[in-house]
Amino acid sequence: MILPNTPLYQAKTDAEFRIRMIQHIKTAYKDILGKDANLLDLPNGLEIVQAKIQQRLYDMSNGQINLFRDEDRREQLAA
């Protein structure tokens, strides 16, 4: 796979890439995420924000857009 020649994709470690990706998401999607962007600072922030976005899409589309894996959906319904 060919990656773009940008600083985001030129990280030397996974941790560095994660930090750069979080900063990119905060900057590029601040209007969409609003205050949820602060969740990205938590250790599992990417996963939390991903779940929130998946739920928003599911709710707004009346279930037509379902990005949840079956087991994720079952866990969420059980909670």
N, C-alpha and C. Protein backbone atom coordinates (compact mmCIF):
# COMPACT_ATOMS: atom_id res chain seq x y z
N MET A 1 0.84 -1.17 0.00
CA MET A 1 0.00 0.00 0.00
C MET A 1 0.89 1.24 0.00
N ILE A 2 0.55 2.20 -0.80
CA ILE A 2 1.30 3.45 -0.88
C ILE A 2 0.63 4.48 0.01
N LEU A 3 1.38 5.06 0.94
CA LEU A 3 0.86 6.07 1.84
C LEU A 3 1.26 7.46 1.37
N PRO A 4 0.43 8.44 1.63
CA PRO A 4 0.78 9.82 1.26
C PRO A 4 2.06 10.26 1.97
N ASN A 5 2.80 11.12 1.35
CA ASN A 5 4.04 11.63 1.93
C ASN A 5 3.72 12.87 2.77
N THR A 6 3.05 12.63 3.89
CA THR A 6 2.71 13.71 4.82
C THR A 6 3.22 13.32 6.20
N PRO A 7 3.41 14.30 7.08
CA PRO A 7 3.92 13.98 8.43
C PRO A 7 3.06 12.96 9.17
N LEU A 8 1.75 12.99 8.96
CA LEU A 8 0.86 12.05 9.65
C LEU A 8 1.29 10.62 9.39
N TYR A 9 1.61 10.29 8.16
CA TYR A 9 1.93 8.92 7.79
C TYR A 9 3.41 8.58 7.91
N GLN A 10 4.22 9.51 8.33
CA GLN A 10 5.66 9.27 8.45
C GLN A 10 6.08 9.03 9.89
N ALA A 11 5.15 8.63 10.75
CA ALA A 11 5.46 8.35 12.15
C ALA A 11 6.41 7.16 12.26
N LYS A 12 7.29 7.22 13.24
CA LYS A 12 8.28 6.16 13.41
C LYS A 12 7.77 5.03 14.30
N THR A 13 6.78 5.32 15.16
CA THR A 13 6.24 4.29 16.06
C THR A 13 4.71 4.33 16.01
N ASP A 14 4.10 3.26 16.50
CA ASP A 14 2.63 3.22 16.58
C ASP A 14 2.11 4.31 17.51
N ALA A 15 2.81 4.52 18.63
CA ALA A 15 2.38 5.54 19.59
C ALA A 15 2.41 6.93 18.95
N GLU A 16 3.45 7.20 18.19
CA GLU A 16 3.56 8.50 17.52
C GLU A 16 2.45 8.65 16.48
N PHE A 17 2.18 7.59 15.74
CA PHE A 17 1.10 7.64 14.75
C PHE A 17 -0.23 7.90 15.43
N ARG A 18 -0.49 7.23 16.55
CA ARG A 18 -1.75 7.41 17.28
C ARG A 18 -1.92 8.87 17.73
N ILE A 19 -0.86 9.45 18.25
CA ILE A 19 -0.90 10.85 18.70
C ILE A 19 -1.19 11.76 17.51
N ARG A 20 -0.51 11.53 16.39
CA ARG A 20 -0.73 12.36 15.20
C ARG A 20 -2.14 12.18 14.65
N MET A 21 -2.63 10.95 14.66
CA MET A 21 -3.98 10.67 14.16
C MET A 21 -5.03 11.37 15.03
N ILE A 22 -4.87 11.31 16.34
CA ILE A 22 -5.81 11.98 17.24
C ILE A 22 -5.81 13.47 16.99
N GLN A 23 -4.64 14.06 16.83
CA GLN A 23 -4.57 15.50 16.56
C GLN A 23 -5.22 15.84 15.23
N HIS A 24 -5.01 14.99 14.22
CA HIS A 24 -5.62 15.21 12.91
C HIS A 24 -7.14 15.15 13.02
N ILE A 25 -7.65 14.16 13.73
CA ILE A 25 -9.10 14.02 13.89
C ILE A 25 -9.67 15.23 14.62
N LYS A 26 -9.00 15.66 15.69
CA LYS A 26 -9.47 16.83 16.45
C LYS A 26 -9.54 18.07 15.56
N THR A 27 -8.56 18.24 14.72
CA THR A 27 -8.51 19.42 13.85
C THR A 27 -9.50 19.32 12.70
N ALA A 28 -9.49 18.21 12.01
CA ALA A 28 -10.30 18.07 10.79
C ALA A 28 -11.79 17.90 11.08
N TYR A 29 -12.13 17.32 12.22
CA TYR A 29 -13.53 17.00 12.50
C TYR A 29 -14.09 17.72 13.73
N LYS A 30 -13.46 18.84 14.11
CA LYS A 30 -13.90 19.53 15.32
C LYS A 30 -15.35 20.00 15.23
N ASP A 31 -15.80 20.39 14.05
CA ASP A 31 -17.19 20.84 13.90
C ASP A 31 -18.17 19.70 14.06
N ILE A 32 -17.80 18.53 13.63
CA ILE A 32 -18.67 17.35 13.73
C ILE A 32 -18.65 16.78 15.15
N LEU A 33 -17.46 16.69 15.73
CA LEU A 33 -17.32 16.07 17.05
C LEU A 33 -17.76 16.97 18.19
N GLY A 34 -17.57 18.29 18.04
CA GLY A 34 -17.92 19.20 19.12
C GLY A 34 -17.16 18.84 20.39
N LYS A 35 -17.89 18.81 21.51
CA LYS A 35 -17.24 18.52 22.80
C LYS A 35 -16.76 17.08 22.89
N ASP A 36 -17.27 16.19 22.05
CA ASP A 36 -16.81 14.80 22.05
C ASP A 36 -15.34 14.68 21.64
N ALA A 37 -14.80 15.71 21.01
CA ALA A 37 -13.39 15.68 20.62
C ALA A 37 -12.49 15.52 21.84
N ASN A 38 -12.94 16.01 23.00
CA ASN A 38 -12.14 15.87 24.22
C ASN A 38 -12.01 14.41 24.66
N LEU A 39 -12.93 13.57 24.24
CA LEU A 39 -12.85 12.15 24.57
C LEU A 39 -11.61 11.50 23.97
N LEU A 40 -11.09 12.09 22.90
CA LEU A 40 -9.91 11.52 22.25
C LEU A 40 -8.68 11.56 23.14
N ASP A 41 -8.71 12.36 24.19
CA ASP A 41 -7.57 12.43 25.11
C ASP A 41 -7.54 11.26 26.09
N LEU A 42 -8.63 10.50 26.17
CA LEU A 42 -8.66 9.33 27.05
C LEU A 42 -7.86 8.19 26.43
N PRO A 43 -7.37 7.26 27.25
CA PRO A 43 -6.60 6.14 26.69
C PRO A 43 -7.35 5.35 25.62
N ASN A 44 -8.65 5.20 25.76
CA ASN A 44 -9.44 4.47 24.76
C ASN A 44 -10.36 5.44 24.01
N GLY A 45 -9.91 6.66 23.87
CA GLY A 45 -10.72 7.71 23.25
C GLY A 45 -11.11 7.45 21.81
N LEU A 46 -10.20 6.89 21.02
CA LEU A 46 -10.54 6.59 19.63
C LEU A 46 -11.70 5.61 19.54
N GLU A 47 -11.67 4.60 20.38
CA GLU A 47 -12.73 3.61 20.39
C GLU A 47 -14.06 4.22 20.86
N ILE A 48 -14.01 5.08 21.86
CA ILE A 48 -15.22 5.73 22.37
C ILE A 48 -15.85 6.60 21.29
N VAL A 49 -15.03 7.41 20.64
CA VAL A 49 -15.54 8.31 19.59
C VAL A 49 -16.06 7.49 18.41
N GLN A 50 -15.38 6.42 18.05
CA GLN A 50 -15.84 5.57 16.96
C GLN A 50 -17.23 5.01 17.29
N ALA A 51 -17.42 4.54 18.50
CA ALA A 51 -18.72 3.98 18.89
C ALA A 51 -19.81 5.05 18.87
N LYS A 52 -19.48 6.26 19.32
CA LYS A 52 -20.46 7.35 19.30
C LYS A 52 -20.87 7.70 17.87
N ILE A 53 -19.91 7.78 16.97
CA ILE A 53 -20.21 8.10 15.58
C ILE A 53 -21.02 6.99 14.93
N GLN A 54 -20.66 5.75 15.21
CA GLN A 54 -21.44 4.63 14.67
C GLN A 54 -22.88 4.69 15.16
N GLN A 55 -23.07 5.00 16.44
CA GLN A 55 -24.41 5.08 16.99
C GLN A 55 -25.20 6.24 16.38
N ARG A 56 -24.53 7.38 16.19
CA ARG A 56 -25.20 8.53 15.54
C ARG A 56 -25.68 8.17 14.15
N LEU A 57 -24.80 7.55 13.36
CA LEU A 57 -25.18 7.16 12.00
C LEU A 57 -26.35 6.18 12.02
N TYR A 58 -26.30 5.23 12.93
CA TYR A 58 -27.35 4.23 13.04
C TYR A 58 -28.68 4.90 13.40
N ASP A 59 -28.64 5.80 14.39
CA ASP A 59 -29.86 6.48 14.83
C ASP A 59 -30.42 7.40 13.76
N MET A 60 -29.55 8.19 13.13
CA MET A 60 -30.01 9.16 12.12
C MET A 60 -30.56 8.47 10.88
N SER A 61 -30.07 7.27 10.59
CA SER A 61 -30.51 6.56 9.39
C SER A 61 -31.62 5.56 9.70
N ASN A 62 -32.14 5.59 10.94
CA ASN A 62 -33.17 4.63 11.35
C ASN A 62 -32.73 3.19 11.10
N GLY A 63 -31.46 2.91 11.37
CA GLY A 63 -30.94 1.56 11.24
C GLY A 63 -30.47 1.17 9.85
N GLN A 64 -30.58 2.06 8.89
CA GLN A 64 -30.14 1.74 7.52
C GLN A 64 -28.62 1.67 7.41
N ILE A 65 -27.92 2.50 8.19
CA ILE A 65 -26.46 2.47 8.20
C ILE A 65 -26.03 1.80 9.50
N ASN A 66 -25.51 0.60 9.39
CA ASN A 66 -25.11 -0.16 10.56
C ASN A 66 -23.64 -0.54 10.42
N LEU A 67 -22.77 0.17 11.12
CA LEU A 67 -21.34 -0.10 11.06
C LEU A 67 -20.87 -0.96 12.23
N PHE A 68 -21.80 -1.37 13.09
CA PHE A 68 -21.45 -2.20 14.23
C PHE A 68 -21.23 -3.64 13.81
N ARG A 69 -20.23 -4.25 14.41
CA ARG A 69 -20.10 -5.70 14.26
C ARG A 69 -21.17 -6.31 15.14
N ASP A 70 -21.63 -7.48 14.83
CA ASP A 70 -22.71 -8.12 15.59
C ASP A 70 -22.41 -8.21 17.08
N GLU A 71 -21.18 -8.61 17.43
CA GLU A 71 -20.84 -8.74 18.85
C GLU A 71 -20.78 -7.39 19.55
N ASP A 72 -20.35 -6.33 18.85
CA ASP A 72 -20.34 -4.99 19.43
C ASP A 72 -21.76 -4.53 19.73
N ARG A 73 -22.65 -4.81 18.81
CA ARG A 73 -24.05 -4.40 18.96
C ARG A 73 -24.68 -5.12 20.16
N ARG A 74 -24.40 -6.41 20.31
CA ARG A 74 -24.95 -7.17 21.44
C ARG A 74 -24.43 -6.63 22.77
N GLU A 75 -23.13 -6.28 22.81
CA GLU A 75 -22.55 -5.71 24.04
C GLU A 75 -23.22 -4.39 24.39
N GLN A 76 -23.46 -3.56 23.38
CA GLN A 76 -24.07 -2.26 23.62
C GLN A 76 -25.50 -2.40 24.11
N LEU A 77 -26.24 -3.33 23.56
CA LEU A 77 -27.62 -3.54 23.98
C LEU A 77 -27.68 -4.10 25.41
N ALA A 78 -26.68 -4.88 25.79
CA ALA A 78 -26.65 -5.46 27.12
C ALA A 78 -26.30 -4.42 28.19
N ALA A 79 -25.59 -3.37 27.81
CA ALA A 79 -25.14 -2.35 28.78
C ALA A 79 -26.25 -1.44 29.23
